[in-house]
ModelCIF file with pLDDT and N, C-alpha, C, O atoms, coordinates in Angstrom:
data_MODEL
#
_entry.id   MODEL 
#
_entity.id                         1 
_entity.type                       polymer 
_entity.pdbx_number_of_molecules   1 
#
_entity_poly.entity_id                      1 
_entity_poly.type                           'polypeptide(L)' 
_entity_poly.nstd_linkage                   no 
_entity_poly.nstd_monomer                   no 
_entity_poly.pdbx_seq_one_letter_code       
;(UNK)(UNK)(UNK)(UNK)(UNK)(UNK)(UNK)(UNK)(UNK)(UNK)(UNK)(UNK)(UNK)(UNK)(UNK)(UNK)
(UNK)(UNK)(UNK)(UNK)(UNK)(UNK)(UNK)(UNK)(UNK)(UNK)(UNK)(UNK)(UNK)(UNK)(UNK)(UNK)
(UNK)
;
_entity_poly.pdbx_seq_one_letter_code_can   XXXXXXXXXXXXXXXXXXXXXXXXXXXXXXXXX 
_entity_poly.pdbx_strand_id                 A 
#
loop_
_entity_poly_seq.entity_id 
_entity_poly_seq.num 
_entity_poly_seq.mon_id 
_entity_poly_seq.hetero 
1 1  UNK n 
1 2  UNK n 
1 3  UNK n 
1 4  UNK n 
1 5  UNK n 
1 6  UNK n 
1 7  UNK n 
1 8  UNK n 
1 9  UNK n 
1 10 UNK n 
1 11 UNK n 
1 12 UNK n 
1 13 UNK n 
1 14 UNK n 
1 15 UNK n 
1 16 UNK n 
1 17 UNK n 
1 18 UNK n 
1 19 UNK n 
1 20 UNK n 
1 21 UNK n 
1 22 UNK n 
1 23 UNK n 
1 24 UNK n 
1 25 UNK n 
1 26 UNK n 
1 27 UNK n 
1 28 UNK n 
1 29 UNK n 
1 30 UNK n 
1 31 UNK n 
1 32 UNK n 
1 33 UNK n 
#
_struct_asym.id          A 
_struct_asym.entity_id   1 
#
loop_
_ma_qa_metric.id 
_ma_qa_metric.mode 
_ma_qa_metric.name 
_ma_qa_metric.software_group_id 
_ma_qa_metric.type 
1 global pLDDT . pLDDT 
2 local  pLDDT . pLDDT 
#
_ma_qa_metric_global.metric_id      1 
_ma_qa_metric_global.metric_value   94.85 
_ma_qa_metric_global.model_id       1 
_ma_qa_metric_global.ordinal_id     1 
#
loop_
_ma_qa_metric_local.label_asym_id 
_ma_qa_metric_local.label_comp_id 
_ma_qa_metric_local.label_seq_id 
_ma_qa_metric_local.metric_id 
_ma_qa_metric_local.metric_value 
_ma_qa_metric_local.model_id 
_ma_qa_metric_local.ordinal_id 
A UNK 1  2 97.00 1 1  
A UNK 2  2 97.00 1 2  
A UNK 3  2 97.00 1 3  
A UNK 4  2 97.00 1 4  
A UNK 5  2 96.00 1 5  
A UNK 6  2 94.00 1 6  
A UNK 7  2 95.00 1 7  
A UNK 8  2 95.00 1 8  
A UNK 9  2 96.00 1 9  
A UNK 10 2 96.00 1 10 
A UNK 11 2 96.00 1 11 
A UNK 12 2 96.00 1 12 
A UNK 13 2 94.00 1 13 
A UNK 14 2 96.00 1 14 
A UNK 15 2 94.00 1 15 
A UNK 16 2 96.00 1 16 
A UNK 17 2 95.00 1 17 
A UNK 18 2 95.00 1 18 
A UNK 19 2 97.00 1 19 
A UNK 20 2 97.00 1 20 
A UNK 21 2 97.00 1 21 
A UNK 22 2 97.00 1 22 
A UNK 23 2 97.00 1 23 
A UNK 24 2 95.00 1 24 
A UNK 25 2 95.00 1 25 
A UNK 26 2 92.00 1 26 
A UNK 27 2 91.00 1 27 
A UNK 28 2 90.00 1 28 
A UNK 29 2 85.00 1 29 
A UNK 30 2 91.00 1 30 
A UNK 31 2 92.00 1 31 
A UNK 32 2 96.00 1 32 
A UNK 33 2 96.00 1 33 
#
loop_
_atom_site.group_PDB 
_atom_site.id 
_atom_site.type_symbol 
_atom_site.label_atom_id 
_atom_site.label_alt_id 
_atom_site.label_comp_id 
_atom_site.label_asym_id 
_atom_site.label_entity_id 
_atom_site.label_seq_id 
_atom_site.pdbx_PDB_ins_code 
_atom_site.Cartn_x 
_atom_site.Cartn_y 
_atom_site.Cartn_z 
_atom_site.occupancy 
_atom_site.B_iso_or_equiv 
_atom_site.pdbx_formal_charge 
_atom_site.auth_seq_id 
_atom_site.auth_comp_id 
_atom_site.auth_asym_id 
_atom_site.auth_atom_id 
_atom_site.pdbx_PDB_model_num 
ATOM 1   N N  . UNK A 1 1  ? -3.402  -1.847  8.769   1.00 97.00 ? 1  UNK A N  1 
ATOM 2   C CA . UNK A 1 1  ? -2.124  -2.562  8.765   1.00 97.00 ? 1  UNK A CA 1 
ATOM 3   C C  . UNK A 1 1  ? -1.251  -2.199  7.566   1.00 97.00 ? 1  UNK A C  1 
ATOM 4   O O  . UNK A 1 1  ? -0.132  -2.701  7.459   1.00 97.00 ? 1  UNK A O  1 
ATOM 5   N N  . UNK A 1 2  ? -1.728  -1.344  6.663   1.00 97.00 ? 2  UNK A N  1 
ATOM 6   C CA . UNK A 1 2  ? -0.968  -0.979  5.472   1.00 97.00 ? 2  UNK A CA 1 
ATOM 7   C C  . UNK A 1 2  ? 0.330   -0.268  5.850   1.00 97.00 ? 2  UNK A C  1 
ATOM 8   O O  . UNK A 1 2  ? 0.472   0.240   6.962   1.00 97.00 ? 2  UNK A O  1 
ATOM 9   N N  . UNK A 1 3  ? 1.265   -0.240  4.914   1.00 97.00 ? 3  UNK A N  1 
ATOM 10  C CA . UNK A 1 3  ? 2.569   0.370   5.183   1.00 97.00 ? 3  UNK A CA 1 
ATOM 11  C C  . UNK A 1 3  ? 2.897   1.429   4.131   1.00 97.00 ? 3  UNK A C  1 
ATOM 12  O O  . UNK A 1 3  ? 2.410   1.378   3.001   1.00 97.00 ? 3  UNK A O  1 
ATOM 13  N N  . UNK A 1 4  ? 3.724   2.375   4.524   1.00 97.00 ? 4  UNK A N  1 
ATOM 14  C CA . UNK A 1 4  ? 4.182   3.421   3.606   1.00 97.00 ? 4  UNK A CA 1 
ATOM 15  C C  . UNK A 1 4  ? 5.204   2.832   2.635   1.00 97.00 ? 4  UNK A C  1 
ATOM 16  O O  . UNK A 1 4  ? 5.995   1.966   3.008   1.00 97.00 ? 4  UNK A O  1 
ATOM 17  N N  . UNK A 1 5  ? 5.181   3.310   1.378   1.00 96.00 ? 5  UNK A N  1 
ATOM 18  C CA . UNK A 1 5  ? 6.127   2.849   0.362   1.00 96.00 ? 5  UNK A CA 1 
ATOM 19  C C  . UNK A 1 5  ? 6.742   4.066   -0.324  1.00 96.00 ? 5  UNK A C  1 
ATOM 20  O O  . UNK A 1 5  ? 6.027   4.897   -0.883  1.00 96.00 ? 5  UNK A O  1 
ATOM 21  N N  . UNK A 1 6  ? 8.074   4.167   -0.279  1.00 94.00 ? 6  UNK A N  1 
ATOM 22  C CA . UNK A 1 6  ? 8.768   5.329   -0.842  1.00 94.00 ? 6  UNK A CA 1 
ATOM 23  C C  . UNK A 1 6  ? 9.185   5.138   -2.294  1.00 94.00 ? 6  UNK A C  1 
ATOM 24  O O  . UNK A 1 6  ? 9.493   6.118   -2.973  1.00 94.00 ? 6  UNK A O  1 
ATOM 25  N N  . UNK A 1 7  ? 9.203   3.907   -2.787  1.00 95.00 ? 7  UNK A N  1 
ATOM 26  C CA . UNK A 1 7  ? 9.652   3.643   -4.158  1.00 95.00 ? 7  UNK A CA 1 
ATOM 27  C C  . UNK A 1 7  ? 8.689   4.283   -5.162  1.00 95.00 ? 7  UNK A C  1 
ATOM 28  O O  . UNK A 1 7  ? 7.505   3.947   -5.155  1.00 95.00 ? 7  UNK A O  1 
ATOM 29  N N  . UNK A 1 8  ? 9.156   5.196   -6.025  1.00 95.00 ? 8  UNK A N  1 
ATOM 30  C CA . UNK A 1 8  ? 8.283   5.846   -7.012  1.00 95.00 ? 8  UNK A CA 1 
ATOM 31  C C  . UNK A 1 8  ? 7.581   4.863   -7.942  1.00 95.00 ? 8  UNK A C  1 
ATOM 32  O O  . UNK A 1 8  ? 6.502   5.157   -8.456  1.00 95.00 ? 8  UNK A O  1 
ATOM 33  N N  . UNK A 1 9  ? 8.191   3.687   -8.161  1.00 96.00 ? 9  UNK A N  1 
ATOM 34  C CA . UNK A 1 9  ? 7.579   2.703   -9.054  1.00 96.00 ? 9  UNK A CA 1 
ATOM 35  C C  . UNK A 1 9  ? 6.244   2.206   -8.506  1.00 96.00 ? 9  UNK A C  1 
ATOM 36  O O  . UNK A 1 9  ? 5.392   1.735   -9.261  1.00 96.00 ? 9  UNK A O  1 
ATOM 37  N N  . UNK A 1 10 ? 6.066   2.313   -7.188  1.00 96.00 ? 10 UNK A N  1 
ATOM 38  C CA . UNK A 1 10 ? 4.824   1.845   -6.570  1.00 96.00 ? 10 UNK A CA 1 
ATOM 39  C C  . UNK A 1 10 ? 3.631   2.732   -6.925  1.00 96.00 ? 10 UNK A C  1 
ATOM 40  O O  . UNK A 1 10 ? 2.485   2.350   -6.689  1.00 96.00 ? 10 UNK A O  1 
ATOM 41  N N  . UNK A 1 11 ? 3.891   3.913   -7.491  1.00 96.00 ? 11 UNK A N  1 
ATOM 42  C CA . UNK A 1 11 ? 2.798   4.806   -7.882  1.00 96.00 ? 11 UNK A CA 1 
ATOM 43  C C  . UNK A 1 11 ? 2.072   4.322   -9.143  1.00 96.00 ? 11 UNK A C  1 
ATOM 44  O O  . UNK A 1 11 ? 0.967   4.776   -9.437  1.00 96.00 ? 11 UNK A O  1 
ATOM 45  N N  . UNK A 1 12 ? 2.698   3.399   -9.886  1.00 96.00 ? 12 UNK A N  1 
ATOM 46  C CA . UNK A 1 12 ? 2.107   2.805   -11.090 1.00 96.00 ? 12 UNK A CA 1 
ATOM 47  C C  . UNK A 1 12 ? 1.662   3.861   -12.106 1.00 96.00 ? 12 UNK A C  1 
ATOM 48  O O  . UNK A 1 12 ? 0.624   3.726   -12.754 1.00 96.00 ? 12 UNK A O  1 
ATOM 49  N N  . UNK A 1 13 ? 2.467   4.903   -12.226 1.00 94.00 ? 13 UNK A N  1 
ATOM 50  C CA . UNK A 1 13 ? 2.197   5.919   -13.243 1.00 94.00 ? 13 UNK A CA 1 
ATOM 51  C C  . UNK A 1 13 ? 1.142   6.935   -12.865 1.00 94.00 ? 13 UNK A C  1 
ATOM 52  O O  . UNK A 1 13 ? 0.791   7.782   -13.687 1.00 94.00 ? 13 UNK A O  1 
ATOM 53  N N  . UNK A 1 14 ? 0.630   6.882   -11.660 1.00 96.00 ? 14 UNK A N  1 
ATOM 54  C CA . UNK A 1 14 ? -0.402  7.822   -11.226 1.00 96.00 ? 14 UNK A CA 1 
ATOM 55  C C  . UNK A 1 14 ? 0.236   9.077   -10.635 1.00 96.00 ? 14 UNK A C  1 
ATOM 56  O O  . UNK A 1 14 ? 1.318   9.017   -10.052 1.00 96.00 ? 14 UNK A O  1 
ATOM 57  N N  . UNK A 1 15 ? -0.433  10.195  -10.789 1.00 94.00 ? 15 UNK A N  1 
ATOM 58  C CA . UNK A 1 15 ? 0.084   11.468  -10.302 1.00 94.00 ? 15 UNK A CA 1 
ATOM 59  C C  . UNK A 1 15 ? -0.160  11.660  -8.827  1.00 94.00 ? 15 UNK A C  1 
ATOM 60  O O  . UNK A 1 15 ? -0.945  12.522  -8.432  1.00 94.00 ? 15 UNK A O  1 
ATOM 61  N N  . UNK A 1 16 ? 0.507   10.863  -8.003  1.00 96.00 ? 16 UNK A N  1 
ATOM 62  C CA . UNK A 1 16 ? 0.333   10.939  -6.555  1.00 96.00 ? 16 UNK A CA 1 
ATOM 63  C C  . UNK A 1 16 ? 1.679   11.228  -5.904  1.00 96.00 ? 16 UNK A C  1 
ATOM 64  O O  . UNK A 1 16 ? 2.730   11.005  -6.503  1.00 96.00 ? 16 UNK A O  1 
ATOM 65  N N  . UNK A 1 17 ? 1.637   11.716  -4.697  1.00 95.00 ? 17 UNK A N  1 
ATOM 66  C CA . UNK A 1 17 ? 2.866   12.060  -3.977  1.00 95.00 ? 17 UNK A CA 1 
ATOM 67  C C  . UNK A 1 17 ? 3.155   11.108  -2.834  1.00 95.00 ? 17 UNK A C  1 
ATOM 68  O O  . UNK A 1 17 ? 4.262   11.097  -2.296  1.00 95.00 ? 17 UNK A O  1 
ATOM 69  N N  . UNK A 1 18 ? 2.170   10.309  -2.460  1.00 95.00 ? 18 UNK A N  1 
ATOM 70  C CA . UNK A 1 18 ? 2.320   9.408   -1.325  1.00 95.00 ? 18 UNK A CA 1 
ATOM 71  C C  . UNK A 1 18 ? 1.649   8.085   -1.626  1.00 95.00 ? 18 UNK A C  1 
ATOM 72  O O  . UNK A 1 18 ? 0.587   8.050   -2.249  1.00 95.00 ? 18 UNK A O  1 
ATOM 73  N N  . UNK A 1 19 ? 2.263   6.994   -1.187  1.00 97.00 ? 19 UNK A N  1 
ATOM 74  C CA . UNK A 1 19 ? 1.699   5.666   -1.463  1.00 97.00 ? 19 UNK A CA 1 
ATOM 75  C C  . UNK A 1 19 ? 1.744   4.808   -0.202  1.00 97.00 ? 19 UNK A C  1 
ATOM 76  O O  . UNK A 1 19 ? 2.752   4.753   0.502   1.00 97.00 ? 19 UNK A O  1 
ATOM 77  N N  . UNK A 1 20 ? 0.623   4.143   0.059   1.00 97.00 ? 20 UNK A N  1 
ATOM 78  C CA . UNK A 1 20 ? 0.582   3.105   1.081   1.00 97.00 ? 20 UNK A CA 1 
ATOM 79  C C  . UNK A 1 20 ? 0.169   1.803   0.404   1.00 97.00 ? 20 UNK A C  1 
ATOM 80  O O  . UNK A 1 20 ? -0.657  1.802   -0.509  1.00 97.00 ? 20 UNK A O  1 
ATOM 81  N N  . UNK A 1 21 ? 0.746   0.708   0.855   1.00 97.00 ? 21 UNK A N  1 
ATOM 82  C CA . UNK A 1 21 ? 0.497   -0.596  0.249   1.00 97.00 ? 21 UNK A CA 1 
ATOM 83  C C  . UNK A 1 21 ? -0.142  -1.545  1.262   1.00 97.00 ? 21 UNK A C  1 
ATOM 84  O O  . UNK A 1 21 ? 0.118   -1.432  2.460   1.00 97.00 ? 21 UNK A O  1 
ATOM 85  N N  . UNK A 1 22 ? -0.977  -2.481  0.794   1.00 97.00 ? 22 UNK A N  1 
ATOM 86  C CA . UNK A 1 22 ? -1.607  -3.446  1.704   1.00 97.00 ? 22 UNK A CA 1 
ATOM 87  C C  . UNK A 1 22 ? -0.589  -4.422  2.267   1.00 97.00 ? 22 UNK A C  1 
ATOM 88  O O  . UNK A 1 22 ? 0.388   -4.775  1.606   1.00 97.00 ? 22 UNK A O  1 
ATOM 89  N N  . UNK A 1 23 ? -0.832  -4.854  3.505   1.00 97.00 ? 23 UNK A N  1 
ATOM 90  C CA . UNK A 1 23 ? 0.045   -5.832  4.149   1.00 97.00 ? 23 UNK A CA 1 
ATOM 91  C C  . UNK A 1 23 ? -0.730  -7.110  4.455   1.00 97.00 ? 23 UNK A C  1 
ATOM 92  O O  . UNK A 1 23 ? -0.345  -8.193  4.013   1.00 97.00 ? 23 UNK A O  1 
ATOM 93  N N  . UNK A 1 24 ? -1.809  -6.987  5.203   1.00 95.00 ? 24 UNK A N  1 
ATOM 94  C CA . UNK A 1 24 ? -2.598  -8.154  5.587   1.00 95.00 ? 24 UNK A CA 1 
ATOM 95  C C  . UNK A 1 24 ? -2.436  -8.478  7.056   1.00 95.00 ? 24 UNK A C  1 
ATOM 96  O O  . UNK A 1 24 ? -1.320  -8.518  7.574   1.00 95.00 ? 24 UNK A O  1 
ATOM 97  N N  . UNK A 1 25 ? -3.558  -8.711  7.729   1.00 95.00 ? 25 UNK A N  1 
ATOM 98  C CA . UNK A 1 25 ? -3.545  -9.055  9.142   1.00 95.00 ? 25 UNK A CA 1 
ATOM 99  C C  . UNK A 1 25 ? -4.819  -9.845  9.443   1.00 95.00 ? 25 UNK A C  1 
ATOM 100 O O  . UNK A 1 25 ? -5.685  -9.951  8.574   1.00 95.00 ? 25 UNK A O  1 
ATOM 101 N N  . UNK A 1 26 ? -4.957  -10.396 10.635  1.00 92.00 ? 26 UNK A N  1 
ATOM 102 C CA . UNK A 1 26 ? -6.180  -11.152 10.956  1.00 92.00 ? 26 UNK A CA 1 
ATOM 103 C C  . UNK A 1 26 ? -7.452  -10.321 10.834  1.00 92.00 ? 26 UNK A C  1 
ATOM 104 O O  . UNK A 1 26 ? -8.503  -10.860 10.487  1.00 92.00 ? 26 UNK A O  1 
ATOM 105 N N  . UNK A 1 27 ? -7.379  -9.025  11.112  1.00 91.00 ? 27 UNK A N  1 
ATOM 106 C CA . UNK A 1 27 ? -8.560  -8.184  11.067  1.00 91.00 ? 27 UNK A CA 1 
ATOM 107 C C  . UNK A 1 27 ? -9.132  -8.057  9.654   1.00 91.00 ? 27 UNK A C  1 
ATOM 108 O O  . UNK A 1 27 ? -10.346 -7.946  9.480   1.00 91.00 ? 27 UNK A O  1 
ATOM 109 N N  . UNK A 1 28 ? -8.257  -8.075  8.649   1.00 90.00 ? 28 UNK A N  1 
ATOM 110 C CA . UNK A 1 28 ? -8.714  -7.934  7.255   1.00 90.00 ? 28 UNK A CA 1 
ATOM 111 C C  . UNK A 1 28 ? -8.684  -9.261  6.515   1.00 90.00 ? 28 UNK A C  1 
ATOM 112 O O  . UNK A 1 28 ? -8.817  -9.292  5.292   1.00 90.00 ? 28 UNK A O  1 
ATOM 113 N N  . UNK A 1 29 ? -8.508  -10.366 7.250   1.00 85.00 ? 29 UNK A N  1 
ATOM 114 C CA . UNK A 1 29 ? -8.478  -11.679 6.616   1.00 85.00 ? 29 UNK A CA 1 
ATOM 115 C C  . UNK A 1 29 ? -7.281  -11.889 5.718   1.00 85.00 ? 29 UNK A C  1 
ATOM 116 O O  . UNK A 1 29 ? -7.314  -12.726 4.815   1.00 85.00 ? 29 UNK A O  1 
ATOM 117 N N  . UNK A 1 30 ? -6.207  -11.122 5.963   1.00 91.00 ? 30 UNK A N  1 
ATOM 118 C CA . UNK A 1 30 ? -4.995  -11.262 5.172   1.00 91.00 ? 30 UNK A CA 1 
ATOM 119 C C  . UNK A 1 30 ? -5.022  -10.559 3.830   1.00 91.00 ? 30 UNK A C  1 
ATOM 120 O O  . UNK A 1 30 ? -4.062  -10.667 3.067   1.00 91.00 ? 30 UNK A O  1 
ATOM 121 N N  . UNK A 1 31 ? -6.098  -9.839  3.516   1.00 92.00 ? 31 UNK A N  1 
ATOM 122 C CA . UNK A 1 31 ? -6.203  -9.181  2.204   1.00 92.00 ? 31 UNK A CA 1 
ATOM 123 C C  . UNK A 1 31 ? -5.544  -7.812  2.179   1.00 92.00 ? 31 UNK A C  1 
ATOM 124 O O  . UNK A 1 31 ? -5.145  -7.340  1.114   1.00 92.00 ? 31 UNK A O  1 
ATOM 125 N N  . UNK A 1 32 ? -5.422  -7.166  3.336   1.00 96.00 ? 32 UNK A N  1 
ATOM 126 C CA . UNK A 1 32 ? -4.878  -5.811  3.376   1.00 96.00 ? 32 UNK A CA 1 
ATOM 127 C C  . UNK A 1 32 ? -5.925  -4.733  3.176   1.00 96.00 ? 32 UNK A C  1 
ATOM 128 O O  . UNK A 1 32 ? -5.607  -3.544  3.187   1.00 96.00 ? 32 UNK A O  1 
ATOM 129 N N  . UNK A 1 33 ? -7.183  -5.145  2.993   1.00 96.00 ? 33 UNK A N  1 
ATOM 130 C CA . UNK A 1 33 ? -8.258  -4.177  2.753   1.00 96.00 ? 33 UNK A CA 1 
ATOM 131 C C  . UNK A 1 33 ? -9.451  -4.479  3.656   1.00 96.00 ? 33 UNK A C  1 
ATOM 132 O O  . UNK A 1 33 ? -10.459 -3.774  3.604   1.00 96.00 ? 33 UNK A O  1 
#
């Protein structure tokens, strides 16, 4: 259920080119993981 995030700030200073963020759904108990 995670979603793509284009904002560079979401990388939190890590040397990555792509970021997905947790959302939460019934399958993961709302945690996103």
